[in-house]
Amino acid sequence: MKVVAKKGSHSKVYYLRIPHDFIETFGITESDDFTLNVNFDKDGNLVLCYKRVKK
């Protein structure tokens, strides 16, 4: 999967495109909230980890 980040209307807002299959499989809706953890693995690769927050 190739990740595409799209710049929003504000200079510091980016939107991450999620494939439609993921949205259907995991039941993601517009009202879901996510937290983002940013780390680097042992090879220096950037790792983005999104976690759905239960309401």
Protein backbone atom coordinates (compact mmCIF):
# COMPACT_ATOMS: atom_id res chain seq x y z
CA MET A 1 0.00 0.00 0.00
CA LYS A 2 1.32 3.43 -0.90
CA VAL A 3 0.41 6.13 1.61
CA VAL A 4 -0.61 9.52 0.22
CA ALA A 5 -0.64 12.60 2.47
CA LYS A 6 -2.64 15.53 1.16
CA LYS A 7 -2.15 19.08 2.42
CA GLY A 8 -5.29 20.62 3.86
CA SER A 9 -6.50 24.19 3.89
CA HIS A 10 -4.28 25.10 6.86
CA SER A 11 -0.52 25.13 6.48
CA LYS A 12 0.05 22.45 9.14
CA VAL A 13 -2.83 20.04 8.45
CA TYR A 14 -2.36 16.87 6.39
CA TYR A 15 -4.89 14.19 5.59
CA LEU A 16 -3.93 10.53 5.31
CA ARG A 17 -5.81 8.54 2.70
CA ILE A 18 -7.02 5.20 4.00
CA PRO A 19 -7.95 2.53 1.44
CA HIS A 20 -11.71 1.87 1.24
CA ASP A 21 -11.15 -1.83 2.06
CA PHE A 22 -9.65 -0.86 5.44
CA ILE A 23 -12.58 1.43 6.23
CA GLU A 24 -15.11 -1.31 5.52
CA THR A 25 -13.14 -4.07 7.28
CA PHE A 26 -12.55 -2.12 10.49
CA GLY A 27 -15.83 -0.17 10.49
CA ILE A 28 -14.15 3.25 10.50
CA THR A 29 -16.56 6.20 10.51
CA GLU A 30 -16.12 9.99 10.34
CA SER A 31 -16.94 10.25 14.05
CA ASP A 32 -14.06 7.96 15.13
CA ASP A 33 -11.13 9.55 16.97
CA PHE A 34 -7.56 8.32 16.64
CA THR A 35 -4.28 8.93 18.46
CA LEU A 36 -1.03 8.97 16.52
CA ASN A 37 2.28 7.61 17.79
CA VAL A 38 5.39 8.44 15.77
CA ASN A 39 8.49 6.28 16.26
CA PHE A 40 11.57 5.09 14.41
CA ASP A 41 12.41 1.40 14.08
CA LYS A 42 15.90 -0.06 14.51
CA ASP A 43 16.70 0.64 10.84
CA GLY A 44 15.74 4.32 11.14
CA ASN A 45 12.43 3.98 9.28
CA LEU A 46 9.56 6.22 10.35
CA VAL A 47 6.69 4.24 11.91
CA LEU A 48 3.22 5.82 12.23
CA CYS A 49 0.83 3.97 14.53
CA TYR A 50 -2.80 5.06 14.66
CA LYS A 51 -5.00 3.80 17.50
CA ARG A 52 -8.77 4.23 17.58
CA VAL A 53 -9.91 5.91 20.80
CA LYS A 54 -12.97 4.38 22.45
CA LYS A 55 -15.61 6.91 23.41
